Amino acid sequence: MSVGAVSRSAYQIATEFDHAPLAYSLSAVAAAVYAFITYTLVRGGEAARRAALVCCAAELAGVLTVGTWALADPSAFPDSTVWSDYGRGYLFIPVLLPVTGILWLRKRGAARA
């Protein structure tokens, strides 16, 4: 997911940024969050687990906010973001991934305690 989001946002920003700056900027934010979560999961440790948990919650908030905003006001997004329509363009993985991550990270934290 990180590679796909980074690639998509980099291409969109480099070639079509003036068409939909908000959508492409949000896609870049999503890409950065995915990359950071991946890094923290690879790094390991309690601080990394907590940072990943916060990022998963922020990612879920972003998906729900932008997904609802895109449905309520389609003109705000002339092109879709990773989070548009709750991640429909990515098979809803953007809404499922943070929920799964939160559940897994919480279970992992409880198991360590």
Protein backbone atom coordinates (compact mmCIF):
# COMPACT_ATOMS: atom_id res chain seq x y z
CA MET A 1 0.00 0.00 0.00
CA SER A 2 2.88 2.34 0.78
CA VAL A 3 4.54 1.85 -2.60
CA GLY A 4 1.27 2.27 -4.49
CA ALA A 5 0.25 5.42 -2.63
CA VAL A 6 3.70 7.01 -2.90
CA SER A 7 3.93 6.22 -6.62
CA ARG A 8 0.45 7.49 -7.37
CA SER A 9 0.80 10.73 -5.42
CA ALA A 10 4.28 11.47 -6.80
CA TYR A 11 3.04 11.01 -10.36
CA GLN A 12 -0.10 13.09 -9.81
CA ILE A 13 1.80 15.92 -8.12
CA ALA A 14 4.48 15.94 -10.81
CA THR A 15 2.11 15.87 -13.78
CA GLU A 16 -1.34 17.20 -12.79
CA PHE A 17 -1.07 19.09 -9.50
CA ASP A 18 -2.91 22.18 -10.79
CA HIS A 19 -5.92 20.02 -11.73
CA ALA A 20 -6.72 18.88 -8.17
CA PRO A 21 -4.19 20.18 -5.63
CA LEU A 22 -6.25 19.22 -2.56
CA ALA A 23 -6.84 15.65 -3.73
CA TYR A 24 -3.22 15.11 -4.72
CA SER A 25 -1.91 16.67 -1.51
CA LEU A 26 -4.15 14.38 0.55
CA SER A 27 -2.90 11.39 -1.43
CA ALA A 28 0.66 12.43 -0.56
CA VAL A 29 -0.28 12.70 3.13
CA ALA A 30 -1.80 9.21 2.99
CA ALA A 31 1.37 7.91 1.34
CA ALA A 32 3.53 9.45 4.06
CA VAL A 33 1.36 7.94 6.79
CA TYR A 34 1.50 4.48 5.16
CA ALA A 35 5.28 4.72 4.84
CA PHE A 36 5.67 5.79 8.48
CA ILE A 37 3.43 2.99 9.74
CA THR A 38 5.43 0.48 7.70
CA TYR A 39 8.66 1.87 9.16
CA THR A 40 7.41 1.66 12.75
CA LEU A 41 6.19 -1.90 12.30
CA VAL A 42 9.57 -2.96 10.90
CA ARG A 43 11.44 -1.08 13.63
CA GLY A 44 9.54 -2.72 16.45
CA GLY A 45 9.50 -1.85 20.12
CA GLU A 46 6.87 -0.31 22.37
CA ALA A 47 7.43 3.31 21.26
CA ALA A 48 7.16 2.28 17.61
CA ARG A 49 3.99 0.29 18.37
CA ARG A 50 2.41 3.33 20.02
CA ALA A 51 3.45 5.58 17.13
CA ALA A 52 1.95 3.12 14.65
CA LEU A 53 -1.26 3.01 16.69
CA VAL A 54 -1.56 6.82 16.62
CA CYS A 55 -0.87 6.86 12.88
CA CYS A 56 -3.45 4.14 12.23
CA ALA A 57 -6.03 6.18 14.16
CA ALA A 58 -5.09 9.32 12.18
CA GLU A 59 -5.31 7.33 8.95
CA LEU A 60 -8.77 6.05 9.87
CA ALA A 61 -9.89 9.59 10.74
CA GLY A 62 -8.57 10.81 7.38
CA VAL A 63 -10.35 8.06 5.45
CA LEU A 64 -13.65 8.70 7.23
CA THR A 65 -13.40 12.49 6.91
CA VAL A 66 -12.32 12.63 3.28
CA GLY A 67 -14.58 9.73 2.30
CA THR A 68 -17.62 11.48 3.75
CA TRP A 69 -16.55 14.88 2.37
CA ALA A 70 -16.08 13.43 -1.13
CA LEU A 71 -19.54 11.89 -1.03
CA ALA A 72 -21.21 15.01 0.40
CA ASP A 73 -19.46 17.48 -1.95
CA PRO A 74 -18.06 15.72 -5.04
CA SER A 75 -17.04 19.07 -6.55
CA ALA A 76 -14.44 19.47 -3.77
CA PHE A 77 -12.47 16.62 -5.33
CA PRO A 78 -12.27 16.90 -9.12
CA ASP A 79 -10.03 13.82 -8.96
CA SER A 80 -10.03 11.12 -6.34
CA THR A 81 -7.63 10.63 -3.45
CA VAL A 82 -6.53 7.41 -1.80
CA TRP A 83 -9.19 8.19 0.83
CA SER A 84 -12.05 9.17 -1.53
CA ASP A 85 -15.20 7.11 -1.18
CA TYR A 86 -13.55 5.34 1.75
CA GLY A 87 -10.83 3.93 -0.49
CA ARG A 88 -13.07 2.51 -3.20
CA GLY A 89 -10.33 2.94 -5.81
CA TYR A 90 -8.08 0.75 -3.65
CA LEU A 91 -10.69 -1.96 -2.93
CA PHE A 92 -11.54 -0.26 0.40
CA ILE A 93 -8.13 -1.23 1.78
CA PRO A 94 -7.59 2.35 3.08
CA VAL A 95 -10.53 1.96 5.48
CA LEU A 96 -9.86 -1.69 6.36
CA LEU A 97 -6.11 -1.37 6.87
CA PRO A 98 -6.14 1.10 9.79
CA VAL A 99 -8.93 -0.81 11.55
CA THR A 100 -7.01 -4.06 11.17
CA GLY A 101 -3.81 -2.32 12.25
CA ILE A 102 -5.42 -0.84 15.36
CA LEU A 103 -6.87 -4.20 16.39
CA TRP A 104 -3.58 -6.01 15.78
CA LEU A 105 -1.47 -3.39 17.56
CA ARG A 106 -3.80 -3.32 20.57
CA LYS A 107 -3.78 -7.11 20.80
CA ARG A 108 0.00 -7.13 20.52
CA GLY A 109 0.30 -4.49 23.25
CA ALA A 110 -2.05 -6.39 25.55
CA ALA A 111 -0.09 -9.61 24.99
CA ARG A 112 3.13 -7.88 26.06
CA ALA A 113 1.53 -6.43 29.21
